[in-house]
Every structure is written in structure tokens, then in C-alpha cells.
Protein backbone atom coordinates (compact mmCIF):
# COMPACT_ATOMS: atom_id res chain seq x y z
CA UNK A 1 0.22 0.19 -0.09
CA UNK A 2 3.26 2.41 0.67
CA UNK A 3 4.16 2.26 -2.77
CA UNK A 4 1.25 3.66 -4.34
CA UNK A 5 1.00 6.19 -2.14
CA UNK A 6 4.83 7.59 -3.23
CA UNK A 7 4.07 8.55 -6.84
CA UNK A 8 7.74 8.23 -7.16
CA UNK A 9 8.43 5.01 -6.53
CA UNK A 10 5.56 3.72 -8.15
CA UNK A 11 6.68 5.24 -11.41
CA UNK A 12 10.16 3.61 -10.99
CA UNK A 13 8.42 0.31 -10.24
CA UNK A 14 5.84 0.53 -13.30
CA UNK A 15 9.10 1.91 -15.27
CA UNK A 16 10.73 -1.34 -14.21
CA UNK A 17 8.21 -3.33 -15.97
CA UNK A 18 7.26 -1.43 -18.80
CA UNK A 19 11.57 -0.32 -19.96
CA UNK A 20 12.07 -3.79 -21.35
CA UNK A 21 9.24 -3.64 -23.34
CA UNK A 22 10.27 -0.65 -25.02
CA UNK A 23 14.00 -2.00 -25.21
CA UNK A 24 12.89 -4.81 -26.87
CA UNK A 25 10.63 -3.17 -29.64
CA UNK A 26 13.84 -0.51 -30.01
CA UNK A 27 16.01 -3.49 -30.38
CA UNK A 28 14.14 -5.35 -33.07
CA UNK A 29 13.55 -2.34 -35.19
CA UNK A 30 17.08 -0.78 -35.34
CA UNK A 31 19.12 -4.32 -34.94
CA UNK A 32 16.75 -6.92 -36.71
CA UNK A 33 14.99 -4.52 -38.99
CA UNK A 34 18.05 -1.65 -39.27
CA UNK A 35 15.32 0.95 -39.48
CA UNK A 36 15.62 4.15 -38.04
CA UNK A 37 12.68 4.90 -35.42
CA UNK A 38 9.54 6.85 -36.72
CA UNK A 39 9.15 9.59 -34.96
CA UNK A 40 11.01 9.55 -32.40
CA UNK A 41 9.94 12.19 -30.09
CA UNK A 42 6.50 11.46 -30.61
CA UNK A 43 7.48 7.81 -29.25
CA UNK A 44 8.76 9.10 -26.46
CA UNK A 45 6.06 11.18 -25.42
CA UNK A 46 3.95 8.12 -26.08
CA UNK A 47 5.87 6.19 -23.80
CA UNK A 48 5.65 8.98 -21.23
CA UNK A 49 1.98 8.91 -21.37
CA UNK A 50 1.58 4.83 -21.01
CA UNK A 51 3.76 4.71 -18.12
CA UNK A 52 1.98 7.76 -16.39
CA UNK A 53 -0.98 5.88 -16.97
CA UNK A 54 -0.18 2.42 -16.22
CA UNK A 55 1.19 4.13 -13.02
CA UNK A 56 -2.35 5.62 -12.15
CA UNK A 57 -4.36 2.75 -12.91
CA UNK A 58 -1.89 0.66 -10.63
CA UNK A 59 -2.36 2.63 -7.98
CA UNK A 60 -6.24 2.73 -8.18
CA UNK A 61 -6.41 -0.66 -8.18
CA UNK A 62 -4.86 -0.86 -5.17
CA UNK A 63 -6.28 1.99 -3.36
CA UNK A 64 -9.83 1.52 -4.77
CA UNK A 65 -11.03 -1.91 -7.01
CA UNK A 66 -8.98 -4.52 -4.71
CA UNK A 67 -10.45 -3.09 -1.45
CA UNK A 68 -14.28 -2.73 -2.82
CA UNK A 69 -14.32 -6.46 -3.93
CA UNK A 70 -13.02 -7.75 -0.90
CA UNK A 71 -15.67 -5.62 1.04
CA UNK A 72 -18.42 -6.37 -0.77
CA UNK A 73 -17.25 -9.72 -0.64
CA UNK A 74 -16.66 -9.72 3.18
CA UNK A 75 -19.81 -7.70 3.86
CA UNK A 76 -22.45 -10.55 1.74
CA UNK A 77 -20.79 -13.46 3.05
CA UNK A 78 -21.01 -12.44 6.60
CA UNK A 79 -24.68 -11.37 5.84
CA UNK A 80 -25.01 -15.04 4.50
CA UNK A 81 -23.18 -16.39 7.58
CA UNK A 82 -25.77 -14.57 9.68
CA UNK A 83 -28.36 -17.28 8.63
CA UNK A 84 -27.01 -20.81 7.99
CA UNK A 85 -23.66 -20.54 6.33
CA UNK A 86 -22.72 -24.01 5.97
CA UNK A 87 -25.35 -24.04 3.21
CA UNK A 88 -24.74 -22.80 -0.10
CA UNK A 89 -28.17 -21.59 -1.11
CA UNK A 90 -27.92 -19.30 1.95
CA UNK A 91 -25.68 -17.13 -0.41
CA UNK A 92 -28.44 -16.27 -2.59
CA UNK A 93 -27.16 -12.40 -2.83
CA UNK A 94 -23.44 -13.38 -3.41
CA UNK A 95 -24.43 -15.13 -6.31
CA UNK A 96 -26.40 -12.06 -7.70
CA UNK A 97 -23.51 -9.90 -6.51
CA UNK A 98 -21.39 -12.28 -8.77
CA UNK A 99 -23.63 -11.94 -11.69
CA UNK A 100 -23.58 -8.06 -11.71
CA UNK A 101 -20.12 -7.87 -11.33
CA UNK A 102 -19.42 -10.29 -14.24
CA UNK A 103 -21.68 -8.50 -16.25
CA UNK A 104 -21.20 -4.74 -16.11
CA UNK A 105 -17.66 -5.08 -15.50
CA UNK A 106 -17.78 -7.14 -18.92
CA UNK A 107 -19.94 -4.15 -20.97
CA UNK A 108 -17.43 -1.50 -19.83
CA UNK A 109 -14.39 -3.51 -20.56
CA UNK A 110 -12.72 -1.58 -22.97
CA UNK A 111 -10.95 -4.15 -24.88
CA UNK A 112 -13.52 -6.17 -25.71
CA UNK A 113 -15.44 -2.52 -26.83
CA UNK A 114 -12.85 -2.34 -29.41
CA UNK A 115 -12.59 -5.96 -30.45
CA UNK A 116 -16.88 -5.86 -31.21
CA UNK A 117 -16.05 -2.45 -33.30
CA UNK A 118 -14.07 -3.80 -35.34
CA UNK A 119 -15.91 -7.46 -35.59
CA UNK A 120 -18.95 -4.96 -37.04
CA UNK A 121 -16.99 -3.49 -39.22
CA UNK A 122 -14.71 -6.67 -40.63
CA UNK A 123 -18.01 -8.64 -40.54
CA UNK A 124 -20.05 -5.94 -42.98
CA UNK A 125 -23.04 -5.54 -40.11
CA UNK A 126 -23.38 -9.04 -40.34
CA UNK A 127 -22.09 -9.05 -36.48
CA UNK A 128 -23.57 -6.70 -34.14
CA UNK A 129 -21.40 -4.35 -31.68
CA UNK A 130 -23.78 -4.76 -29.24
CA UNK A 131 -24.99 -8.16 -29.97
CA UNK A 132 -21.51 -9.37 -29.23
CA UNK A 133 -20.64 -7.10 -26.41
CA UNK A 134 -23.94 -8.35 -24.84
CA UNK A 135 -23.49 -12.35 -25.29
CA UNK A 136 -19.91 -11.87 -24.31
CA UNK A 137 -21.20 -10.09 -20.63
CA UNK A 138 -23.63 -12.82 -20.72
CA UNK A 139 -21.08 -15.26 -20.42
CA UNK A 140 -18.66 -14.15 -17.82
CA UNK A 141 -21.82 -13.40 -15.65
CA UNK A 142 -22.53 -16.78 -15.55
CA UNK A 143 -19.10 -18.17 -15.70
CA UNK A 144 -18.65 -16.10 -12.33
CA UNK A 145 -21.79 -16.85 -10.64
CA UNK A 146 -20.91 -20.81 -11.16
CA UNK A 147 -17.17 -20.01 -9.80
CA UNK A 148 -18.97 -18.31 -6.96
CA UNK A 149 -20.87 -21.48 -6.18
CA UNK A 150 -17.35 -24.04 -6.72
CA UNK A 151 -16.15 -21.76 -4.12
CA UNK A 152 -19.00 -21.44 -0.99
CA UNK A 153 -19.50 -25.39 -2.40
CA UNK A 154 -15.83 -26.79 -2.28
CA UNK A 155 -16.42 -28.80 -5.45
CA UNK A 156 -12.94 -29.49 -7.52
CA UNK A 157 -12.25 -26.64 -10.37
CA UNK A 158 -10.69 -29.11 -12.91
CA UNK A 159 -14.73 -30.93 -13.18
CA UNK A 160 -16.14 -27.22 -14.42
CA UNK A 161 -13.37 -26.56 -16.46
CA UNK A 162 -13.31 -29.96 -18.67
CA UNK A 163 -17.10 -29.91 -18.74
CA UNK A 164 -17.40 -26.18 -19.76
CA UNK A 165 -14.12 -27.07 -22.50
CA UNK A 166 -16.17 -29.96 -23.58
CA UNK A 167 -19.31 -28.16 -24.65
CA UNK A 168 -16.64 -26.01 -26.50
CA UNK A 169 -15.81 -28.53 -28.55
CA UNK A 170 -19.22 -30.02 -28.82
CA UNK A 171 -20.39 -26.50 -30.47
CA UNK A 172 -17.69 -25.76 -32.63
CA UNK A 173 -19.00 -28.33 -34.76
CA UNK A 174 -22.05 -26.94 -34.99
CA UNK A 175 -21.64 -23.13 -34.77
CA UNK A 176 -20.75 -21.39 -37.97
CA UNK A 177 -17.59 -21.23 -39.08
CA UNK A 178 -17.38 -17.19 -39.25
CA UNK A 179 -17.93 -16.98 -35.66
CA UNK A 180 -15.66 -19.70 -34.26
CA UNK A 181 -12.61 -17.70 -34.21
CA UNK A 182 -14.05 -14.39 -33.33
CA UNK A 183 -15.98 -16.49 -29.83
CA UNK A 184 -12.49 -18.12 -29.05
CA UNK A 185 -10.92 -14.74 -28.95
CA UNK A 186 -14.00 -13.15 -26.83
CA UNK A 187 -12.38 -15.38 -24.19
CA UNK A 188 -9.35 -13.68 -23.61
CA UNK A 189 -10.94 -10.16 -24.17
CA UNK A 190 -12.83 -10.39 -20.86
CA UNK A 191 -9.96 -10.84 -18.69
CA UNK A 192 -8.64 -7.35 -18.87
CA UNK A 193 -7.97 -4.03 -17.08
CA UNK A 194 -11.76 -3.67 -15.64
CA UNK A 195 -12.94 -7.00 -15.16
CA UNK A 196 -10.11 -8.74 -13.56
CA UNK A 197 -9.24 -6.75 -10.38
CA UNK A 198 -12.60 -6.97 -9.42
CA UNK A 199 -13.06 -10.73 -9.66
CA UNK A 200 -10.26 -11.27 -8.10
CA UNK A 201 -11.10 -9.28 -4.88
CA UNK A 202 -13.92 -10.82 -5.18
CA UNK A 203 -12.78 -14.36 -5.21
CA UNK A 204 -10.20 -13.90 -2.71
CA UNK A 205 -12.55 -11.80 -0.53
CA UNK A 206 -14.84 -14.61 -0.44
CA UNK A 207 -12.82 -17.59 -0.32
CA UNK A 208 -11.11 -15.85 3.08
CA UNK A 209 -14.47 -15.21 4.75
CA UNK A 210 -16.60 -18.90 3.72
CA UNK A 211 -16.38 -21.08 6.42
CA UNK A 212 -13.82 -24.21 5.40
CA UNK A 213 -12.29 -22.46 2.19
CA UNK A 214 -8.58 -21.31 1.81
CA UNK A 215 -7.70 -18.57 -0.44
CA UNK A 216 -5.07 -19.77 -1.72
CA UNK A 217 -6.64 -22.91 -2.76
CA UNK A 218 -10.67 -21.33 -3.40
CA UNK A 219 -10.11 -17.90 -3.72
CA UNK A 220 -8.18 -18.34 -7.50
CA UNK A 221 -9.84 -19.62 -10.72
CA UNK A 222 -12.57 -16.81 -11.19
CA UNK A 223 -10.68 -15.96 -14.12
CA UNK A 224 -10.94 -19.50 -15.64
CA UNK A 225 -14.33 -19.39 -15.68
CA UNK A 226 -14.42 -15.31 -17.00
CA UNK A 227 -12.64 -16.63 -19.70
CA UNK A 228 -14.40 -19.55 -20.80
CA UNK A 229 -18.24 -19.01 -20.79
CA UNK A 230 -17.68 -15.93 -23.11
CA UNK A 231 -16.65 -19.07 -25.68
CA UNK A 232 -19.76 -20.78 -25.15
CA UNK A 233 -22.41 -17.86 -24.97
CA UNK A 234 -20.66 -16.28 -27.97
CA UNK A 235 -20.81 -19.51 -30.00
CA UNK A 236 -24.60 -20.19 -28.81
CA UNK A 237 -25.24 -16.31 -30.28
CA UNK A 238 -23.63 -17.51 -33.69
CA UNK A 239 -26.19 -20.63 -33.54
CA UNK A 240 -29.14 -18.95 -32.59
CA UNK A 241 -28.26 -16.10 -35.23
CA UNK A 242 -28.02 -18.88 -37.82
CA UNK A 243 -30.72 -20.53 -36.96
CA UNK A 244 -32.79 -16.93 -36.69
CA UNK A 245 -31.31 -16.60 -40.88
CA UNK A 246 -32.42 -20.32 -41.48
CA UNK A 247 -35.75 -20.11 -40.24
CA UNK A 248 -36.51 -16.71 -41.95
CA UNK A 249 -35.35 -17.99 -45.29
CA UNK A 250 -37.76 -21.06 -45.04
CA UNK A 251 -40.34 -18.79 -44.55
CA UNK A 252 -39.69 -16.70 -47.35
CA UNK A 253 -39.38 -19.98 -49.65
CA UNK A 254 -42.83 -21.02 -48.09
CA UNK A 255 -44.45 -17.97 -48.92
CA UNK A 256 -42.68 -17.95 -52.64
CA UNK A 257 -44.08 -21.65 -53.32
CA UNK A 258 -47.66 -20.33 -52.12
CA UNK A 259 -47.48 -17.45 -54.18
């Protein structure tokens, strides 16, 4: 916490993480491609913006988002334990909170917004950016809710992951070919700047306050759910869209035949 209250130390810590990436880019540009750096002044200015932005973001995570997630999980878990904390059905508000956190943070995820608009442009409006965002957000919301149930119930993580990827494999055979790569990429864009901090804090806070759970063994794993279930939901979105188009074309053929 002290690190994030000292701006200079925070900037230096962030620079140590970012400088190797910048050095690699410069080395590859000048040593391998043997080309001068394009607009070096602009590049240095941009690097400075990245450095300051990342430092502010990391500080904000530690000072705001992580504590909020932990506090909410603590309060909801304590409320459930006031009834019968040993029964997973006592955590109804926790499941609702997990669903809403998963949905709202994913809809606001900058990387998802960018990918959704690019998908709409590349598909010539065949893929709706808004529809894709909602499909991914629903997948994340369901995944985090199920992951919350896993933490509370204490069931093994691998059972959910194996079952989930089995569903993905089956869906891949029936989903439209054009949606499959986008669906697989959707699992990655959800685990970014907004979703990960809150979901991680939620999992750790919940595992720390549910009787019989370990933060190390049970607190992690929600990000895996947040990556897996959007693939299922986007594949389902593609299958639903394909079914609607097929149904519409059949109706048109029937009308044309009747005429």
C-alpha cells in the first residue's frame, strides 16, 4: 500500500516493467529491421503517457477496486453466515452480486468494445457490436456466478473446466465457421483492465470469509470461468443467429411457393 502512496516509487516500479518492452521494440526496429525509429519524439511522448497511465491505473486498483471487491465479498459472506453459512443456498445475494459484477464490468471492458466494433466492421454489419458485447457479458456473468458457487460449495475446479471445454468442443462442430475464431478470442478480451481486479478481489474476499475455504486453494480460478464461458455464449449467439436466418429463409421460400 505504501508504494502506491509514493508517486515516484510507483513510477519507478512501473518503468521497470515497461522499459524491457520498449527496449525490445527499439532493438528489433534498429537491430533486425535496420530502420530508424519513426517519429522518435512522438514515441517518447507516448511512452511517457503509457508510463503515467499505468502507474495511475495500478495505484487506483490497489487503493479502490481491490478493497471494494474484498469489502463487498466480506459483507455479503457475513450476511449469509448470519443465517446458515454452511449451506450454499444461503448465499443468494452473493450469487446475484457475482452475476451483476461479471455483466457490468464486461460491458464496460475497453478491449471488448474495441474488438466488438472491429468485428462489426470486418463482417460488414453481419455481427452486431452491441449483440456481441451482450453475449460476452452474459457468458462472463454466468461463469463468475458458477465460479462463486464453486468457492462456496468447495467442489473441485477441474470438473467445471473439463465440462466447459467439452461443451465448447461440441458447439464448435455446429456453430457457424465465421463465428468460431471470434468466439475463441472473446475469452481473452474479457480478462482485462476492468474485469480482472474486481473478479480477483471477489474470489479472494469470498474464500477468506467462507468457513472451510482457503484463499490460496479456493480464492483463485474465477478468471478461468470468465475466460471459458464467453466462448460458450458467443458460440451460442452464432448458432442462434444462424437458426434465425435459416428460419427466415424457410418462411420466405414457403411464401414464394404459396404465391
